[in-house]
Amino acid sequence: MSISTTAAPPVSPAKPISPADYRPALVNVGTIVWLASELMFFSGLFAAYLTLRAATPVWPPFHDVVDPKTVGVATVVLVLSSGTMQLAVREVHRNNLAGFRVWLAFTWALGAIFEFMQVVDYATRNFSLQQSAYSGAFYLLTGIHFLHVLGGLAAMVFMYLRSLNPRIRFGGHRSAPHVEMLSYYWHFVDVVWVALYAMIFLLPSTK
């Protein structure tokens, strides 16, 4: 009686894990480090404003009318733009360039509306930049944020034009880190403005 033996199938060697497959994109890491430095920069400006406020008997001076409702509408517009930006990131991951362009255009429009409303708010102020420490702090904080939003809008235009270039393989995981970098920046700008709005327009006046 013979016993037949069946040879076991050959075991394929395990595929080595490449650290590059799990390494975050350098552009994302660099953006996070840069935004951390921006956070420290704005924290210093916030501290300077609060110090001036604490050392001034009447705040705000010059009988400045702080209208939280009007600026609150602009704040809601900017916060909504964070949602549309995240939808644009989702469409890039899906390699849906048409959807990405639509949501990026919505984000740009909301950001432009916010900038216009901030210019209108500047036009209603009854003090100039050089008038006092209060006016200087007000325009410095809101003005620097205004420039950050303007830079984000310019970056959106660049990213939109980049997606139209047929020589660039835009979409999917290849372009996702660059769009995510832009979304990190835009979310950061939104969060900073919410903090600015609460500090300048919602804190009760001192008399």
Protein backbone atom coordinates (compact mmCIF):
# COMPACT_ATOMS: atom_id res chain seq x y z
CA MET A 1 0.00 0.00 0.00
CA SER A 2 1.53 3.25 -1.12
CA ILE A 3 0.83 6.58 0.53
CA SER A 4 0.70 9.53 -1.82
CA THR A 5 1.95 12.85 -0.56
CA THR A 6 0.99 16.16 -2.04
CA ALA A 7 3.62 18.84 -2.00
CA ALA A 8 2.60 22.01 -0.20
CA PRO A 9 2.30 25.06 -2.44
CA PRO A 10 5.30 27.31 -2.30
CA VAL A 11 4.98 30.17 0.10
CA SER A 12 5.62 33.51 -1.53
CA PRO A 13 7.97 35.71 0.42
CA ALA A 14 6.39 38.55 2.32
CA LYS A 15 6.55 41.85 0.54
CA PRO A 16 8.77 44.22 2.49
CA ILE A 17 7.04 47.28 3.87
CA SER A 18 8.36 50.48 2.42
CA PRO A 19 8.45 53.39 4.88
CA ALA A 20 7.73 55.71 1.95
CA ASP A 21 4.21 54.23 1.68
CA TYR A 22 3.37 55.54 5.16
CA ARG A 23 5.43 58.70 5.19
CA PRO A 24 3.36 61.93 5.14
CA ALA A 25 3.90 64.23 2.21
CA LEU A 26 6.70 66.69 2.87
CA VAL A 27 4.56 69.58 1.63
CA ASN A 28 1.99 68.78 4.35
CA VAL A 29 4.64 68.54 7.06
CA GLY A 30 6.18 71.83 5.98
CA THR A 31 2.77 73.51 5.96
CA ILE A 32 1.97 72.31 9.47
CA VAL A 33 5.31 73.61 10.78
CA TRP A 34 4.75 76.95 9.05
CA LEU A 35 1.22 77.24 10.42
CA ALA A 36 2.59 76.54 13.90
CA SER A 37 4.86 79.57 13.53
CA GLU A 38 1.88 81.59 12.29
CA LEU A 39 -0.05 80.53 15.37
CA MET A 40 2.71 81.87 17.62
CA PHE A 41 2.74 85.11 15.61
CA PHE A 42 -1.00 85.66 16.04
CA SER A 43 -0.78 84.65 19.71
CA GLY A 44 1.65 87.53 20.26
CA LEU A 45 -0.75 89.96 18.57
CA PHE A 46 -3.64 88.66 20.66
CA ALA A 47 -1.60 89.11 23.83
CA ALA A 48 -0.71 92.69 22.85
CA TYR A 49 -4.36 93.56 22.21
CA LEU A 50 -5.55 92.09 25.51
CA THR A 51 -2.76 93.89 27.38
CA LEU A 52 -3.81 97.23 25.89
CA ARG A 53 -7.41 96.48 26.74
CA ALA A 54 -6.57 95.69 30.37
CA ALA A 55 -4.47 98.87 30.75
CA THR A 56 -7.09 101.23 29.25
CA PRO A 57 -9.93 102.48 31.49
CA VAL A 58 -12.43 102.87 28.63
CA TRP A 59 -12.45 100.25 25.89
CA PRO A 60 -13.05 100.79 23.06
CA PRO A 61 -12.27 104.52 23.10
CA PHE A 62 -13.55 107.23 20.69
CA HIS A 63 -17.12 105.99 21.21
CA ASP A 64 -16.44 103.37 18.57
CA VAL A 65 -19.56 101.40 17.76
CA VAL A 66 -18.77 97.69 17.81
CA ASP A 67 -21.54 95.97 15.87
CA PRO A 68 -21.20 92.21 16.34
CA LYS A 69 -24.21 91.44 14.11
CA THR A 70 -22.84 92.87 10.86
CA VAL A 71 -19.39 91.39 11.37
CA GLY A 72 -21.06 88.19 12.55
CA VAL A 73 -22.57 87.73 9.08
CA ALA A 74 -19.10 87.98 7.57
CA THR A 75 -17.88 85.46 10.13
CA VAL A 76 -20.58 82.98 9.13
CA VAL A 77 -19.63 83.43 5.47
CA LEU A 78 -15.99 82.65 6.22
CA VAL A 79 -16.86 79.62 8.35
CA LEU A 80 -19.04 78.26 5.54
CA SER A 81 -16.08 78.56 3.19
CA SER A 82 -14.23 75.99 5.32
CA GLY A 83 -16.95 73.48 4.52
CA THR A 84 -16.81 74.11 0.78
CA MET A 85 -13.01 73.86 0.88
CA GLN A 86 -13.25 70.44 2.51
CA LEU A 87 -15.70 69.35 -0.19
CA ALA A 88 -13.12 70.42 -2.79
CA VAL A 89 -10.52 68.23 -1.06
CA ARG A 90 -12.93 65.29 -1.15
CA GLU A 91 -13.47 65.70 -4.88
CA VAL A 92 -9.71 65.69 -5.51
CA HIS A 93 -9.41 62.36 -3.70
CA ARG A 94 -12.20 61.06 -5.92
CA ASN A 95 -10.33 62.35 -8.98
CA ASN A 96 -13.40 64.42 -9.86
CA LEU A 97 -11.83 67.57 -11.31
CA ALA A 98 -15.14 69.15 -12.26
CA GLY A 99 -16.44 68.83 -8.71
CA PHE A 100 -13.16 70.13 -7.32
CA ARG A 101 -13.33 73.24 -9.48
CA VAL A 102 -16.94 73.93 -8.53
CA TRP A 103 -16.34 73.71 -4.79
CA LEU A 104 -13.08 75.65 -5.02
CA ALA A 105 -14.91 78.39 -6.91
CA PHE A 106 -17.58 78.49 -4.18
CA THR A 107 -14.85 78.77 -1.55
CA TRP A 108 -13.18 81.61 -3.44
CA ALA A 109 -16.49 83.46 -3.79
CA LEU A 110 -17.24 83.18 -0.07
CA GLY A 111 -13.75 84.39 0.79
CA ALA A 112 -14.12 87.34 -1.60
CA ILE A 113 -17.46 88.25 0.00
CA PHE A 114 -15.80 88.20 3.43
CA GLU A 115 -13.03 90.50 2.21
CA PHE A 116 -15.57 92.93 0.72
CA MET A 117 -17.53 93.01 3.97
CA GLN A 118 -14.35 93.72 5.91
CA VAL A 119 -13.55 96.67 3.62
CA VAL A 120 -17.07 97.99 4.22
CA ASP A 121 -16.51 97.64 7.96
CA TYR A 122 -13.26 99.63 7.68
CA ALA A 123 -15.13 102.40 5.87
CA THR A 124 -17.54 102.83 8.80
CA ARG A 125 -14.83 103.28 11.45
CA ASN A 126 -14.45 106.75 12.94
CA PHE A 127 -10.73 106.47 13.67
CA SER A 128 -7.52 106.10 11.69
CA LEU A 129 -4.61 103.72 12.04
CA GLN A 130 -2.28 106.26 13.68
CA GLN A 131 -4.85 107.72 16.10
CA SER A 132 -4.10 105.62 19.18
CA ALA A 133 -2.92 102.27 20.49
CA TYR A 134 -6.47 100.94 20.15
CA SER A 135 -6.83 101.93 16.52
CA GLY A 136 -3.38 100.58 15.75
CA ALA A 137 -4.17 97.24 17.39
CA PHE A 138 -7.56 97.01 15.67
CA TYR A 139 -6.26 97.63 12.17
CA LEU A 140 -3.09 95.59 12.72
CA LEU A 141 -4.96 92.47 13.80
CA THR A 142 -7.78 92.65 11.28
CA GLY A 143 -5.49 93.94 8.52
CA ILE A 144 -2.97 91.12 8.86
CA HIS A 145 -5.83 88.64 8.79
CA PHE A 146 -7.20 90.43 5.71
CA LEU A 147 -3.86 89.88 3.95
CA HIS A 148 -3.84 86.21 4.96
CA VAL A 149 -7.27 85.70 3.42
CA LEU A 150 -6.12 87.55 0.31
CA GLY A 151 -3.15 85.20 0.06
CA GLY A 152 -5.48 82.22 0.34
CA LEU A 153 -7.66 83.56 -2.47
CA ALA A 154 -4.58 83.97 -4.68
CA ALA A 155 -3.53 80.40 -3.89
CA MET A 156 -6.98 79.15 -4.91
CA VAL A 157 -6.67 80.90 -8.27
CA PHE A 158 -3.27 79.28 -8.78
CA MET A 159 -4.61 75.84 -7.84
CA TYR A 160 -7.61 76.26 -10.15
CA LEU A 161 -5.39 77.22 -13.09
CA ARG A 162 -3.10 74.32 -12.28
CA SER A 163 -6.04 71.92 -12.57
CA LEU A 164 -6.74 73.27 -16.08
CA ASN A 165 -3.21 72.61 -17.34
CA PRO A 166 -3.31 69.46 -19.52
CA ARG A 167 0.42 68.88 -19.02
CA ILE A 168 -0.06 68.37 -15.27
CA ARG A 169 -1.56 65.13 -13.99
CA PHE A 170 -3.92 66.82 -11.59
CA GLY A 171 -6.29 64.86 -9.40
CA GLY A 172 -6.15 61.74 -7.26
CA HIS A 173 -3.45 61.07 -4.71
CA ARG A 174 -0.83 62.88 -6.78
CA SER A 175 -2.42 66.30 -6.26
CA ALA A 176 -4.18 65.66 -2.95
CA PRO A 177 -1.27 66.83 -0.73
CA HIS A 178 -1.15 70.23 -2.46
CA VAL A 179 -4.90 70.76 -2.12
CA GLU A 180 -4.80 69.53 1.48
CA MET A 181 -2.03 72.04 2.17
CA LEU A 182 -4.30 74.80 0.89
CA SER A 183 -7.17 73.51 3.03
CA TYR A 184 -4.97 73.48 6.16
CA TYR A 185 -4.10 77.10 5.54
CA TRP A 186 -7.72 78.10 4.88
CA HIS A 187 -9.03 76.35 7.99
CA PHE A 188 -6.31 78.05 10.02
CA VAL A 189 -7.34 81.47 8.67
CA ASP A 190 -10.96 80.72 9.56
CA VAL A 191 -10.14 79.67 13.13
CA VAL A 192 -8.00 82.76 13.67
CA TRP A 193 -10.84 85.01 12.52
CA VAL A 194 -13.34 83.33 14.85
CA ALA A 195 -10.96 84.05 17.74
CA LEU A 196 -10.49 87.64 16.52
CA TYR A 197 -14.22 88.15 16.22
CA ALA A 198 -14.82 86.88 19.75
CA MET A 199 -12.03 89.03 21.20
CA ILE A 200 -12.75 92.30 19.40
CA PHE A 201 -16.51 92.25 18.86
CA LEU A 202 -17.99 89.98 21.54
CA LEU A 203 -16.04 90.87 24.68
CA PRO A 204 -18.07 93.42 26.68
CA SER A 205 -16.91 97.02 26.67
CA THR A 206 -15.21 98.53 29.71
CA LYS A 207 -16.35 101.94 30.95
